[in-house]
Amino acid sequence: MKVFITKKIPQAGIDTLKEAGFEISVHDESDKLSQQELIKACQDVDLLLNVGQGKLDSTFFSACSHLKGIALTSVGYDHVNLDAATKAGVPVSNTPDVLSDATADIAFLLMLAVSRKAFFRANQVLNGAWADFEFTKDLGIELYGKTLGIFGLGRIGLSLARKAQAAYGMNIIYHNRSRNTEAEKLVEATYVNFDTLLKESDVLSVHTNLTPETQHRFNAQAFQRMKDSAIFINTARGKIHHEMDLTEALRTGEIWGAGLDVTDPEPMQADNPLLKMSSVCVFPHIGSATIETRTQMAILASNNLIAVLKGNKMPQVVNADVYKEK
């Protein structure tokens, strides 16, 4: 079988595919393929390993219904039209679990950096603006004993909760579609409704999938109900918060700070007003960006394709109904 890979991946992933007997072609340039270029590249292959490409929509699946499987190198799959994939008979897999700790580390880093205005202060040094000592200017806030609210207490949220509890003794509250009783026992987390989550969180961290229900869930109305001392963290998907509403909430002091690893759109433009705010920190979507995690993601994606080669179901398939259709 032939595999097309849309970007360079760690060598361990390539080796895994080669050992299984795949013929591999890689788009190893830094530019992102257009949809038509991707469709063209897929015409002569059996499988796609998709790394950071754009939408895989009904147009794509109409043109690439011959594919025997697609392996994503991400947990999220909101960029894939799963109904179209299933209709075309193409199983799609993701890479859950392996990036939970790395992403939680970024959420923790954002929380701490925002609380102490660390990147704003570091930029003052870089820009030659380190002035004389001032006792009450640009002060941060402490996290000890504060309340961490988690929207979407799954594996990543639980990893963050453990770190926050161990380092700062933070109290954990959360809101999910359903209770996570295991997490409640592990970190003494308290389930609350969404309104209580907004009102009681000193830090509110988002760890949920992007769905029609969660898109722009954190909008002007939500920010208005949060504490004026609260920090908002999003390492999930940029469209879960409304960026203009977030900017206005920070500008007017409805909330205190924000840490983002995801933005809407991506990449964020250099003149975005959020980048000028002292209590805001923005990363370029680096949640899984460690050697160890990206290597494991590449291996996991490769193993999903190997399952197809062997005539088995993809272990991490996200449109399991595709197997019922066959």
Protein backbone atom coordinates (compact mmCIF):
# COMPACT_ATOMS: atom_id res chain seq x y z
CA MET A 1 0.00 0.00 0.00
CA LYS A 2 1.04 3.59 -0.67
CA VAL A 3 0.89 6.33 1.98
CA PHE A 4 1.03 10.08 1.44
CA ILE A 5 2.20 12.18 4.41
CA THR A 6 1.35 15.89 4.27
CA LYS A 7 4.30 17.15 6.35
CA LYS A 8 7.57 15.84 7.70
CA ILE A 9 7.09 13.65 10.78
CA PRO A 10 9.60 12.20 13.28
CA GLN A 11 11.75 9.45 11.80
CA ALA A 12 10.25 6.88 14.20
CA GLY A 13 6.93 7.22 12.40
CA ILE A 14 8.56 6.77 8.99
CA ASP A 15 10.49 3.73 10.24
CA THR A 16 7.30 2.21 11.64
CA LEU A 17 5.59 2.52 8.25
CA LYS A 18 8.60 1.24 6.30
CA GLU A 19 8.97 -1.80 8.54
CA ALA A 20 5.33 -2.63 7.83
CA GLY A 21 6.05 -2.55 4.09
CA PHE A 22 4.41 0.71 3.04
CA GLU A 23 5.55 2.77 0.08
CA ILE A 24 5.84 6.33 1.41
CA SER A 25 5.76 9.78 -0.15
CA VAL A 26 6.11 12.94 1.94
CA HIS A 27 5.36 16.60 1.26
CA ASP A 28 8.36 17.88 3.17
CA GLU A 29 8.09 21.54 2.25
CA SER A 30 7.01 24.10 4.87
CA ASP A 31 4.07 25.39 2.83
CA LYS A 32 0.59 24.00 3.38
CA LEU A 33 -0.98 22.15 0.48
CA SER A 34 -4.11 23.63 -1.07
CA GLN A 35 -7.13 21.38 -1.15
CA GLN A 36 -6.66 20.73 -4.86
CA GLU A 37 -2.99 19.90 -4.34
CA LEU A 38 -3.91 17.50 -1.54
CA ILE A 39 -6.60 15.85 -3.65
CA LYS A 40 -4.13 15.45 -6.50
CA ALA A 41 -1.50 13.95 -4.20
CA CYS A 42 -4.01 11.43 -2.86
CA GLN A 43 -5.07 10.09 -6.25
CA ASP A 44 -2.25 7.57 -6.53
CA VAL A 45 -2.10 6.42 -2.90
CA ASP A 46 -4.15 4.16 -0.66
CA LEU A 47 -3.79 5.96 2.66
CA LEU A 48 -3.30 9.48 4.00
CA LEU A 49 -1.38 10.51 7.10
CA ASN A 50 -2.61 14.06 7.62
CA VAL A 51 -0.41 16.50 9.55
CA GLY A 52 -1.81 19.97 10.18
CA GLN A 53 -3.67 20.30 6.89
CA GLY A 54 -6.88 22.23 6.31
CA LYS A 55 -10.44 20.99 6.08
CA LEU A 56 -11.18 17.51 4.83
CA ASP A 57 -14.70 18.26 3.65
CA SER A 58 -17.30 16.71 1.36
CA THR A 59 -15.39 17.96 -1.71
CA PHE A 60 -12.28 16.15 -0.54
CA PHE A 61 -14.06 12.88 0.22
CA SER A 62 -15.99 13.00 -3.04
CA ALA A 63 -12.67 13.14 -4.88
CA CYS A 64 -10.84 10.72 -2.58
CA SER A 65 -13.39 8.05 -1.77
CA HIS A 66 -10.84 5.43 -2.89
CA LEU A 67 -8.76 6.01 0.25
CA LYS A 68 -8.71 3.05 2.61
CA GLY A 69 -8.02 5.21 5.67
CA ILE A 70 -6.86 8.56 7.03
CA ALA A 71 -4.69 8.92 10.13
CA LEU A 72 -4.72 12.34 11.79
CA THR A 73 -1.85 13.51 13.99
CA SER A 74 -4.13 15.34 16.40
CA VAL A 75 -6.74 14.69 19.04
CA GLY A 76 -9.20 17.13 17.51
CA TYR A 77 -10.99 16.26 14.30
CA ASP A 78 -13.31 19.24 13.87
CA HIS A 79 -11.63 19.95 10.52
CA VAL A 80 -12.91 16.64 9.14
CA ASN A 81 -16.43 16.10 7.79
CA LEU A 82 -16.98 12.72 9.42
CA ASP A 83 -20.38 12.22 7.79
CA ALA A 84 -18.78 12.63 4.37
CA ALA A 85 -15.92 10.32 5.37
CA THR A 86 -18.32 7.64 6.55
CA LYS A 87 -20.48 7.99 3.44
CA ALA A 88 -17.34 7.55 1.33
CA GLY A 89 -16.35 4.50 3.39
CA VAL A 90 -13.12 6.07 4.68
CA PRO A 91 -12.19 5.39 8.31
CA VAL A 92 -10.52 8.30 10.11
CA SER A 93 -8.36 8.01 13.25
CA ASN A 94 -6.86 10.50 15.71
CA THR A 95 -4.11 10.43 18.37
CA PRO A 96 -5.68 10.68 21.83
CA ASP A 97 -3.98 10.19 25.20
CA VAL A 98 -0.33 10.56 24.13
CA LEU A 99 -0.40 14.36 24.25
CA SER A 100 -2.40 14.82 27.45
CA ASP A 101 0.50 15.66 29.78
CA ALA A 102 2.32 17.85 27.25
CA THR A 103 -0.80 19.91 26.58
CA ALA A 104 -1.56 20.18 30.29
CA ASP A 105 1.99 21.47 30.78
CA ILE A 106 1.27 24.30 28.33
CA ALA A 107 -1.98 25.17 30.14
CA PHE A 108 -0.06 25.24 33.43
CA LEU A 109 2.69 27.37 31.87
CA LEU A 110 0.14 29.83 30.50
CA MET A 111 -1.61 30.03 33.86
CA LEU A 112 1.62 30.85 35.67
CA ALA A 113 2.98 33.18 32.97
CA VAL A 114 -0.24 35.20 32.83
CA SER A 115 -0.55 35.40 36.61
CA ARG A 116 2.88 37.06 36.83
CA LYS A 117 2.70 38.99 33.50
CA ALA A 118 5.90 37.11 32.70
CA PHE A 119 6.05 37.53 28.94
CA PHE A 120 5.05 41.19 29.04
CA ARG A 121 7.78 41.83 31.59
CA ALA A 122 10.34 39.83 29.61
CA ASN A 123 9.51 41.85 26.51
CA GLN A 124 10.20 45.02 28.48
CA VAL A 125 13.75 43.81 28.92
CA LEU A 126 14.07 42.94 25.22
CA ASN A 127 12.67 46.31 24.18
CA GLY A 128 14.91 48.33 26.49
CA ALA A 129 11.97 49.37 28.66
CA TRP A 130 13.26 48.00 31.98
CA ALA A 131 12.74 51.13 34.07
CA ASP A 132 13.64 51.88 37.66
CA PHE A 133 12.05 49.76 40.38
CA GLU A 134 8.41 50.68 41.02
CA PHE A 135 6.71 49.11 44.01
CA THR A 136 3.11 48.98 42.77
CA LYS A 137 3.34 48.88 38.96
CA ASP A 138 2.46 45.87 36.76
CA LEU A 139 1.96 43.50 39.67
CA GLY A 140 0.88 39.92 39.16
CA ILE A 141 -1.45 37.77 41.21
CA GLU A 142 -0.78 34.60 43.22
CA LEU A 143 -2.37 31.21 42.59
CA TYR A 144 -2.05 29.65 46.05
CA GLY A 145 -5.36 28.27 47.29
CA LYS A 146 -7.29 29.73 44.35
CA THR A 147 -10.05 27.91 42.45
CA LEU A 148 -9.24 26.28 39.13
CA GLY A 149 -12.31 25.76 36.95
CA ILE A 150 -12.03 23.24 34.14
CA PHE A 151 -14.39 23.18 31.18
CA GLY A 152 -14.05 19.63 29.91
CA LEU A 153 -12.47 17.49 32.61
CA GLY A 154 -11.00 14.67 30.56
CA ARG A 155 -7.42 13.40 30.41
CA ILE A 156 -5.81 16.78 29.71
CA GLY A 157 -7.95 18.61 32.24
CA LEU A 158 -7.21 15.97 34.87
CA SER A 159 -3.46 16.27 34.24
CA LEU A 160 -3.68 20.05 34.69
CA ALA A 161 -5.78 19.65 37.85
CA ARG A 162 -3.16 17.37 39.39
CA LYS A 163 -0.35 19.84 38.65
CA ALA A 164 -2.31 22.83 39.98
CA GLN A 165 -3.34 21.00 43.11
CA ALA A 166 0.19 19.75 43.84
CA ALA A 167 1.94 23.06 43.13
CA TYR A 168 -0.55 25.59 44.48
CA GLY A 169 -3.12 23.69 46.51
CA MET A 170 -5.81 24.89 44.14
CA ASN A 171 -9.43 23.86 44.57
CA ILE A 172 -10.84 22.10 41.49
CA ILE A 173 -14.32 22.64 40.05
CA TYR A 174 -15.44 21.50 36.62
CA HIS A 175 -18.26 21.35 34.12
CA ASN A 176 -18.79 18.49 31.67
CA ARG A 177 -21.74 17.14 29.75
CA SER A 178 -21.58 14.24 32.24
CA ARG A 179 -19.93 13.69 35.61
CA ASN A 180 -16.35 12.40 35.78
CA THR A 181 -16.57 10.48 39.05
CA GLU A 182 -13.05 9.07 38.71
CA ALA A 183 -11.56 12.56 38.47
CA GLU A 184 -13.70 13.68 41.40
CA LYS A 185 -12.00 11.05 43.54
CA LEU A 186 -8.47 11.66 42.22
CA VAL A 187 -8.36 15.45 42.65
CA GLU A 188 -11.41 16.06 44.85
CA ALA A 189 -13.04 17.90 41.94
CA THR A 190 -16.53 19.30 42.37
CA TYR A 191 -19.03 19.17 39.52
CA VAL A 192 -20.84 22.49 38.97
CA ASN A 193 -23.16 23.95 36.37
CA PHE A 194 -21.75 26.27 33.72
CA ASP A 195 -22.88 29.46 35.41
CA THR A 196 -21.23 28.46 38.70
CA LEU A 197 -18.06 27.56 36.82
CA LEU A 198 -17.94 31.08 35.41
CA LYS A 199 -18.71 32.82 38.69
CA GLU A 200 -16.40 30.85 41.00
CA SER A 201 -13.28 30.20 38.91
CA ASP A 202 -10.15 32.23 39.61
CA VAL A 203 -8.59 30.45 36.63
CA LEU A 204 -10.85 28.91 33.99
CA SER A 205 -9.14 26.46 31.64
CA VAL A 206 -10.78 25.01 28.51
CA HIS A 207 -10.18 21.37 27.58
CA THR A 208 -13.12 20.32 25.43
CA ASN A 209 -13.66 19.42 21.79
CA LEU A 210 -14.90 22.01 19.34
CA THR A 211 -18.51 21.19 18.47
CA PRO A 212 -21.52 23.26 17.42
CA GLU A 213 -22.45 23.39 21.12
CA THR A 214 -19.03 24.60 22.30
CA GLN A 215 -18.26 27.04 19.48
CA HIS A 216 -18.08 30.56 20.96
CA ARG A 217 -19.28 29.21 24.30
CA PHE A 218 -16.99 31.75 25.92
CA ASN A 219 -18.46 34.95 24.58
CA ALA A 220 -19.34 38.39 25.94
CA GLN A 221 -22.11 36.99 28.13
CA ALA A 222 -19.80 34.37 29.61
CA PHE A 223 -16.96 36.81 30.30
CA GLN A 224 -19.38 39.22 31.97
CA ARG A 225 -20.26 36.52 34.53
CA MET A 226 -16.63 35.79 35.42
CA LYS A 227 -14.65 37.44 38.21
CA ASP A 228 -12.84 40.64 37.27
CA SER A 229 -9.74 38.96 38.75
CA ALA A 230 -10.14 35.78 36.67
CA ILE A 231 -7.69 34.29 34.17
CA PHE A 232 -9.04 32.56 31.05
CA ILE A 233 -6.93 29.75 29.51
CA ASN A 234 -7.64 27.99 26.20
CA THR A 235 -5.42 25.19 24.87
CA ALA A 236 -8.24 23.36 23.06
CA ARG A 237 -9.56 25.13 19.94
CA GLY A 238 -9.63 28.85 19.13
CA LYS A 239 -13.26 28.94 18.07
CA ILE A 240 -14.40 27.90 21.56
CA HIS A 241 -13.86 31.49 22.64
CA HIS A 242 -15.08 34.55 20.74
CA GLU A 243 -11.85 36.47 20.22
CA MET A 244 -13.34 39.94 19.83
CA ASP A 245 -15.44 39.41 22.96
CA LEU A 246 -12.37 38.20 24.84
CA THR A 247 -10.40 41.25 23.73
CA GLU A 248 -13.17 43.57 24.90
CA ALA A 249 -13.54 41.75 28.23
CA LEU A 250 -9.82 42.22 28.89
CA ARG A 251 -9.84 45.83 27.72
CA THR A 252 -12.73 46.77 30.01
CA GLY A 253 -11.46 44.76 32.98
CA GLU A 254 -14.30 42.23 33.03
CA ILE A 255 -11.59 39.60 33.42
CA TRP A 256 -7.96 40.03 34.49
CA GLY A 257 -5.93 37.99 32.05
CA ALA A 258 -5.84 35.33 29.34
CA GLY A 259 -3.46 32.63 28.13
CA LEU A 260 -4.02 31.17 24.67
CA ASP A 261 -2.33 28.33 22.83
CA VAL A 262 -5.09 28.46 20.21
CA THR A 263 -6.54 31.47 18.42
CA ASP A 264 -9.17 32.30 15.83
CA PRO A 265 -7.88 32.53 13.19
CA GLU A 266 -4.52 30.78 13.28
CA PRO A 267 -1.93 32.09 12.90
CA MET A 268 -2.72 35.25 14.87
CA GLN A 269 -1.71 38.48 13.16
CA ALA A 270 1.16 40.43 14.72
CA ASP A 271 -0.99 43.55 15.14
CA ASN A 272 -3.65 41.77 17.21
CA PRO A 273 -4.42 43.96 20.25
CA LEU A 274 -4.24 40.94 22.57
CA LEU A 275 -0.49 40.84 22.00
CA LYS A 276 -0.09 44.31 23.50
CA MET A 277 -1.88 43.53 26.76
CA SER A 278 0.23 43.06 29.87
CA SER A 279 -1.79 40.16 31.31
CA VAL A 280 -2.09 38.15 28.09
CA CYS A 281 0.20 35.42 26.81
CA VAL A 282 -0.23 33.78 23.39
CA PHE A 283 1.58 30.68 22.11
CA PRO A 284 1.54 29.43 18.48
CA HIS A 285 -0.40 26.20 19.15
CA ILE A 286 2.45 24.26 20.78
CA GLY A 287 0.46 22.04 23.14
CA SER A 288 1.96 18.79 21.82
CA ALA A 289 5.27 20.29 20.66
CA THR A 290 7.81 18.11 22.44
CA ILE A 291 10.14 15.56 20.88
CA GLU A 292 8.63 12.78 22.95
CA THR A 293 4.98 13.61 22.29
CA ARG A 294 5.28 14.30 18.57
CA THR A 295 7.20 11.05 18.17
CA GLN A 296 4.47 9.11 19.95
CA MET A 297 1.80 10.83 17.87
CA ALA A 298 3.58 9.83 14.65
CA ILE A 299 3.90 6.22 15.81
CA LEU A 300 0.26 6.08 16.88
CA ALA A 301 -0.90 7.47 13.53
CA SER A 302 1.33 4.96 11.73
CA ASN A 303 -0.08 2.08 13.75
CA ASN A 304 -3.59 3.09 12.75
CA LEU A 305 -2.56 2.77 9.10
CA ILE A 306 -0.87 -0.55 9.79
CA ALA A 307 -4.19 -1.82 11.13
CA VAL A 308 -5.76 -1.02 7.76
CA LEU A 309 -2.94 -2.85 5.98
CA LYS A 310 -3.69 -5.93 8.07
CA GLY A 311 -7.40 -5.72 7.39
CA ASN A 312 -8.25 -4.65 10.94
CA LYS A 313 -10.22 -1.73 12.34
CA MET A 314 -8.24 1.37 13.21
CA PRO A 315 -7.71 1.31 17.01
CA GLN A 316 -8.38 5.06 17.34
CA VAL A 317 -11.12 5.39 14.72
CA VAL A 318 -13.36 8.42 15.26
CA ASN A 319 -16.10 7.46 12.78
CA ALA A 320 -16.68 3.90 13.90
CA ASP A 321 -19.95 3.74 11.96
CA VAL A 322 -17.87 3.46 8.78
CA TYR A 323 -17.32 -0.21 9.60
CA LYS A 324 -21.06 -0.80 9.86
CA GLU A 325 -21.50 0.70 6.40
CA LYS A 326 -19.14 -1.85 4.83
